Amino acid sequence: MKTKFTFLFCLFAGLLFAQETEKTQKKLPSVELKDLSGSVINTANMGFEGPVVISFWATWCSPCKKELNTIHDLYPDWQDETGVTLVAVSVDDEKTKRQVAVYSNGKAWDYEILLDPNGDFKRAMGVNNVPHTFLIDTEGNIVYSHNNYAPGDEDELYEEILKLGSK
């Protein structure tokens, strides 16, 4: 009986691990969004050569702004060392999306800013609340996902970027 229980436990644990691995190897979905200049960008074909960090945020979200402002200070070094590109996807709706350019330009963010006012990309990525950050490898695989923000999370993100190799 004990052996049977151990076998079932190991089988169940293996299935859970396989599901988690499958989740983290999900491909970046194809959704058309606009950048701040109004150009249409297909998320599956962004054309970056290094790793990509996609950070879902909103102008009304304090933790989102803290995360992106903290990364802003580190971003030039991250780019030099790893070739990473950060894409900040605003989930602001039609009422607040005009504030996105005002805020991001005021902070001098050197990020690609995309607008997702209808939440199409947010839904496709399984984002329930912001901030939500993803790391995408050069093959378009989602290799890391983190929800919420606390000081120090940027260090964990950087470690994950380093695992993908440097420039």
C-alpha atoms as a PDB file:
ATOM      1  CA  MET A   1       0.000   0.000   0.000  1.00  0.00           C
ATOM      2  CA  LYS A   2       2.800   2.390   0.942  1.00  0.00           C
ATOM      3  CA  THR A   3       4.605   1.668  -2.357  1.00  0.00           C
ATOM      4  CA  LYS A   4       1.420   2.313  -4.324  1.00  0.00           C
ATOM      5  CA  PHE A   5       0.955   5.665  -2.529  1.00  0.00           C
ATOM      6  CA  THR A   6       4.572   6.652  -3.191  1.00  0.00           C
ATOM      7  CA  PHE A   7       4.215   5.723  -6.864  1.00  0.00           C
ATOM      8  CA  LEU A   8       1.002   7.777  -7.229  1.00  0.00           C
ATOM      9  CA  PHE A   9       2.578  10.728  -5.426  1.00  0.00           C
ATOM     10  CA  CYS A  10       5.614  10.672  -7.741  1.00  0.00           C
ATOM     11  CA  LEU A  11       3.387  10.344 -10.802  1.00  0.00           C
ATOM     12  CA  PHE A  12       1.252  13.297  -9.694  1.00  0.00           C
ATOM     13  CA  ALA A  13       4.333  15.426  -8.901  1.00  0.00           C
ATOM     14  CA  GLY A  14       5.804  14.578 -12.310  1.00  0.00           C
ATOM     15  CA  LEU A  15       2.613  15.620 -14.071  1.00  0.00           C
ATOM     16  CA  LEU A  16       2.547  18.929 -12.195  1.00  0.00           C
ATOM     17  CA  PHE A  17       6.189  19.586 -13.098  1.00  0.00           C
ATOM     18  CA  ALA A  18       5.495  18.772 -16.756  1.00  0.00           C
ATOM     19  CA  GLN A  19       2.533  21.171 -16.776  1.00  0.00           C
ATOM     20  CA  GLU A  20       4.616  23.948 -15.186  1.00  0.00           C
ATOM     21  CA  THR A  21       7.419  23.398 -17.707  1.00  0.00           C
ATOM     22  CA  GLU A  22       4.870  23.485 -20.525  1.00  0.00           C
ATOM     23  CA  LYS A  23       3.445  26.758 -19.188  1.00  0.00           C
ATOM     24  CA  THR A  24       6.828  28.448 -19.068  1.00  0.00           C
ATOM     25  CA  GLN A  25       7.592  27.359 -22.650  1.00  0.00           C
ATOM     26  CA  LYS A  26       4.445  28.963 -24.034  1.00  0.00           C
ATOM     27  CA  LYS A  27       5.024  31.036 -27.164  1.00  0.00           C
ATOM     28  CA  LEU A  28       4.429  34.763 -27.302  1.00  0.00           C
ATOM     29  CA  PRO A  29       0.927  35.235 -28.788  1.00  0.00           C
ATOM     30  CA  SER A  30       0.238  37.278 -31.900  1.00  0.00           C
ATOM     31  CA  VAL A  31      -1.758  40.421 -31.061  1.00  0.00           C
ATOM     32  CA  GLU A  32      -1.729  43.767 -32.839  1.00  0.00           C
ATOM     33  CA  LEU A  33      -1.106  46.768 -30.594  1.00  0.00           C
ATOM     34  CA  LYS A  34      -0.207  50.382 -31.252  1.00  0.00           C
ATOM     35  CA  ASP A  35       2.871  52.224 -30.060  1.00  0.00           C
ATOM     36  CA  LEU A  36       2.782  55.841 -28.908  1.00  0.00           C
ATOM     37  CA  SER A  37       3.161  57.146 -32.467  1.00  0.00           C
ATOM     38  CA  GLY A  38       0.168  55.084 -33.648  1.00  0.00           C
ATOM     39  CA  SER A  39       2.135  52.453 -35.567  1.00  0.00           C
ATOM     40  CA  VAL A  40       0.718  48.931 -35.402  1.00  0.00           C
ATOM     41  CA  ILE A  41       3.041  46.343 -33.855  1.00  0.00           C
ATOM     42  CA  ASN A  42       2.415  42.579 -33.940  1.00  0.00           C
ATOM     43  CA  THR A  43       3.570  41.203 -30.612  1.00  0.00           C
ATOM     44  CA  ALA A  44       4.744  37.895 -32.095  1.00  0.00           C
ATOM     45  CA  ASN A  45       6.962  39.667 -34.626  1.00  0.00           C
ATOM     46  CA  MET A  46       8.593  42.432 -32.612  1.00  0.00           C
ATOM     47  CA  GLY A  47      11.933  41.593 -34.200  1.00  0.00           C
ATOM     48  CA  PHE A  48      14.260  41.959 -31.236  1.00  0.00           C
ATOM     49  CA  GLU A  49      17.541  40.107 -31.403  1.00  0.00           C
ATOM     50  CA  GLY A  50      18.110  39.592 -27.684  1.00  0.00           C
ATOM     51  CA  PRO A  51      15.861  38.683 -24.781  1.00  0.00           C
ATOM     52  CA  VAL A  52      12.708  40.739 -24.300  1.00  0.00           C
ATOM     53  CA  VAL A  53      11.099  41.785 -21.035  1.00  0.00           C
ATOM     54  CA  ILE A  54       7.401  42.547 -21.372  1.00  0.00           C
ATOM     55  CA  SER A  55       6.022  44.480 -18.447  1.00  0.00           C
ATOM     56  CA  PHE A  56       2.268  45.053 -18.189  1.00  0.00           C
ATOM     57  CA  TRP A  57       1.539  48.273 -16.315  1.00  0.00           C
ATOM     58  CA  ALA A  58      -0.927  51.166 -15.966  1.00  0.00           C
ATOM     59  CA  THR A  59      -0.624  54.837 -15.088  1.00  0.00           C
ATOM     60  CA  TRP A  60      -2.915  54.313 -12.080  1.00  0.00           C
ATOM     61  CA  CYS A  61      -0.777  51.435 -10.691  1.00  0.00           C
ATOM     62  CA  SER A  62       1.829  52.557  -8.131  1.00  0.00           C
ATOM     63  CA  PRO A  63       3.722  49.228  -7.950  1.00  0.00           C
ATOM     64  CA  CYS A  64       3.899  49.189 -11.771  1.00  0.00           C
ATOM     65  CA  LYS A  65       5.476  52.622 -11.877  1.00  0.00           C
ATOM     66  CA  LYS A  66       7.882  51.756  -9.043  1.00  0.00           C
ATOM     67  CA  GLU A  67       9.046  48.662 -10.924  1.00  0.00           C
ATOM     68  CA  LEU A  68       9.546  50.425 -14.257  1.00  0.00           C
ATOM     69  CA  ASN A  69      11.207  53.452 -12.652  1.00  0.00           C
ATOM     70  CA  THR A  70      13.599  51.179 -10.738  1.00  0.00           C
ATOM     71  CA  ILE A  71      14.479  49.227 -13.880  1.00  0.00           C
ATOM     72  CA  HIS A  72      14.932  52.522 -15.759  1.00  0.00           C
ATOM     73  CA  ASP A  73      18.029  53.274 -13.692  1.00  0.00           C
ATOM     74  CA  LEU A  74      19.490  49.808 -14.402  1.00  0.00           C
ATOM     75  CA  TYR A  75      18.322  49.423 -17.993  1.00  0.00           C
ATOM     76  CA  PRO A  76      21.334  50.911 -19.848  1.00  0.00           C
ATOM     77  CA  ASP A  77      23.678  48.485 -18.053  1.00  0.00           C
ATOM     78  CA  TRP A  78      21.288  45.582 -18.660  1.00  0.00           C
ATOM     79  CA  GLN A  79      21.186  46.429 -22.366  1.00  0.00           C
ATOM     80  CA  ASP A  80      24.976  46.695 -22.627  1.00  0.00           C
ATOM     81  CA  GLU A  81      25.530  43.412 -20.798  1.00  0.00           C
ATOM     82  CA  THR A  82      22.703  41.265 -22.206  1.00  0.00           C
ATOM     83  CA  GLY A  83      21.137  42.976 -25.233  1.00  0.00           C
ATOM     84  CA  VAL A  84      17.753  42.902 -23.488  1.00  0.00           C
ATOM     85  CA  THR A  85      14.856  45.057 -24.701  1.00  0.00           C
ATOM     86  CA  LEU A  86      12.062  46.135 -22.393  1.00  0.00           C
ATOM     87  CA  VAL A  87       8.548  46.577 -23.739  1.00  0.00           C
ATOM     88  CA  ALA A  88       6.146  48.334 -21.368  1.00  0.00           C
ATOM     89  CA  VAL A  89       2.572  47.407 -22.298  1.00  0.00           C
ATOM     90  CA  SER A  90       0.043  49.819 -20.878  1.00  0.00           C
ATOM     91  CA  VAL A  91      -3.352  48.393 -19.999  1.00  0.00           C
ATOM     92  CA  ASP A  92      -4.819  51.862 -19.519  1.00  0.00           C
ATOM     93  CA  ASP A  93      -8.284  52.067 -21.046  1.00  0.00           C
ATOM     94  CA  GLU A  94      -9.654  54.668 -23.457  1.00  0.00           C
ATOM     95  CA  LYS A  95     -10.183  57.157 -20.602  1.00  0.00           C
ATOM     96  CA  THR A  96      -6.630  57.084 -19.257  1.00  0.00           C
ATOM     97  CA  LYS A  97      -4.473  56.001 -22.212  1.00  0.00           C
ATOM     98  CA  ARG A  98      -3.626  59.660 -23.058  1.00  0.00           C
ATOM     99  CA  GLN A  99      -1.704  59.806 -19.781  1.00  0.00           C
ATOM    100  CA  VAL A 100       0.651  56.995 -20.865  1.00  0.00           C
ATOM    101  CA  ALA A 101       2.794  59.184 -23.140  1.00  0.00           C
ATOM    102  CA  VAL A 102       2.767  62.051 -20.639  1.00  0.00           C
ATOM    103  CA  TYR A 103       3.980  59.794 -17.826  1.00  0.00           C
ATOM    104  CA  SER A 104       6.528  57.729 -19.775  1.00  0.00           C
ATOM    105  CA  ASN A 105       8.007  60.775 -21.525  1.00  0.00           C
ATOM    106  CA  GLY A 106       8.134  62.668 -18.227  1.00  0.00           C
ATOM    107  CA  LYS A 107      10.184  59.827 -16.729  1.00  0.00           C
ATOM    108  CA  ALA A 108      12.374  59.635 -19.871  1.00  0.00           C
ATOM    109  CA  TRP A 109      11.777  55.905 -20.208  1.00  0.00           C
ATOM    110  CA  ASP A 110      13.850  54.411 -22.981  1.00  0.00           C
ATOM    111  CA  TYR A 111      11.389  51.524 -23.339  1.00  0.00           C
ATOM    112  CA  GLU A 112       9.224  50.486 -26.238  1.00  0.00           C
ATOM    113  CA  ILE A 113       5.746  51.556 -25.072  1.00  0.00           C
ATOM    114  CA  LEU A 114       2.721  49.700 -26.438  1.00  0.00           C
ATOM    115  CA  LEU A 115      -0.944  50.359 -25.742  1.00  0.00           C
ATOM    116  CA  ASP A 116      -3.440  47.581 -24.969  1.00  0.00           C
ATOM    117  CA  PRO A 117      -6.606  49.592 -24.146  1.00  0.00           C
ATOM    118  CA  ASN A 118      -8.978  46.705 -24.951  1.00  0.00           C
ATOM    119  CA  GLY A 119      -6.912  44.157 -23.002  1.00  0.00           C
ATOM    120  CA  ASP A 120      -6.461  41.793 -25.975  1.00  0.00           C
ATOM    121  CA  PHE A 121      -2.769  41.132 -25.308  1.00  0.00           C
ATOM    122  CA  LYS A 122      -3.367  41.098 -21.564  1.00  0.00           C
ATOM    123  CA  ARG A 123      -5.938  38.294 -21.992  1.00  0.00           C
ATOM    124  CA  ALA A 124      -3.762  36.381 -24.465  1.00  0.00           C
ATOM    125  CA  MET A 125      -0.899  36.421 -21.955  1.00  0.00           C
ATOM    126  CA  GLY A 126      -3.125  35.391 -19.029  1.00  0.00           C
ATOM    127  CA  VAL A 127      -2.542  38.604 -17.079  1.00  0.00           C
ATOM    128  CA  ASN A 128      -5.081  39.094 -14.289  1.00  0.00           C
ATOM    129  CA  ASN A 129      -3.538  42.065 -12.527  1.00  0.00           C
ATOM    130  CA  VAL A 130      -0.635  44.446 -12.967  1.00  0.00           C
ATOM    131  CA  PRO A 131       2.269  44.688 -12.684  1.00  0.00           C
ATOM    132  CA  HIS A 132       2.979  41.450 -14.488  1.00  0.00           C
ATOM    133  CA  THR A 133       6.370  40.879 -16.073  1.00  0.00           C
ATOM    134  CA  PHE A 134       7.421  38.260 -18.613  1.00  0.00           C
ATOM    135  CA  LEU A 135      10.797  37.313 -20.047  1.00  0.00           C
ATOM    136  CA  ILE A 136      10.859  36.113 -23.660  1.00  0.00           C
ATOM    137  CA  ASP A 137      13.820  34.303 -25.226  1.00  0.00           C
ATOM    138  CA  THR A 138      15.031  34.873 -28.788  1.00  0.00           C
ATOM    139  CA  GLU A 139      12.794  32.026 -30.018  1.00  0.00           C
ATOM    140  CA  GLY A 140       9.652  33.757 -28.723  1.00  0.00           C
ATOM    141  CA  ASN A 141       9.225  31.416 -25.744  1.00  0.00           C
ATOM    142  CA  ILE A 142       7.939  32.780 -22.462  1.00  0.00           C
ATOM    143  CA  VAL A 143      10.644  31.596 -20.066  1.00  0.00           C
ATOM    144  CA  TYR A 144       9.803  33.570 -16.918  1.00  0.00           C
ATOM    145  CA  SER A 145       6.754  35.243 -15.433  1.00  0.00           C
ATOM    146  CA  HIS A 146       6.370  37.328 -12.284  1.00  0.00           C
ATOM    147  CA  ASN A 147       3.302  39.052 -10.880  1.00  0.00           C
ATOM    148  CA  ASN A 148       3.365  42.073  -8.552  1.00  0.00           C
ATOM    149  CA  TYR A 149       6.406  44.064  -7.489  1.00  0.00           C
ATOM    150  CA  ALA A 150       8.496  44.377  -4.357  1.00  0.00           C
ATOM    151  CA  PRO A 151      11.916  46.052  -4.132  1.00  0.00           C
ATOM    152  CA  GLY A 152      14.532  43.522  -5.188  1.00  0.00           C
ATOM    153  CA  ASP A 153      12.338  41.796  -7.793  1.00  0.00           C
ATOM    154  CA  GLU A 154      14.383  43.554 -10.466  1.00  0.00           C
ATOM    155  CA  ASP A 155      17.452  41.620  -9.263  1.00  0.00           C
ATOM    156  CA  GLU A 156      15.600  38.325  -9.726  1.00  0.00           C
ATOM    157  CA  LEU A 157      14.539  39.433 -13.223  1.00  0.00           C
ATOM    158  CA  TYR A 158      18.120  40.334 -14.086  1.00  0.00           C
ATOM    159  CA  GLU A 159      19.323  36.902 -12.936  1.00  0.00           C
ATOM    160  CA  GLU A 160      16.752  35.301 -15.235  1.00  0.00           C
ATOM    161  CA  ILE A 161      17.928  37.487 -18.129  1.00  0.00           C
ATOM    162  CA  LEU A 162      21.519  36.404 -17.460  1.00  0.00           C
ATOM    163  CA  LYS A 163      20.477  32.742 -17.708  1.00  0.00           C
ATOM    164  CA  LEU A 164      19.594  33.381 -21.354  1.00  0.00           C
ATOM    165  CA  GLY A 165      23.186  34.386 -22.078  1.00  0.00           C
ATOM    166  CA  SER A 166      24.788  37.699 -22.765  1.00  0.00           C
ATOM    167  CA  LYS A 167      25.020  39.751 -25.927  1.00  0.00           C
END
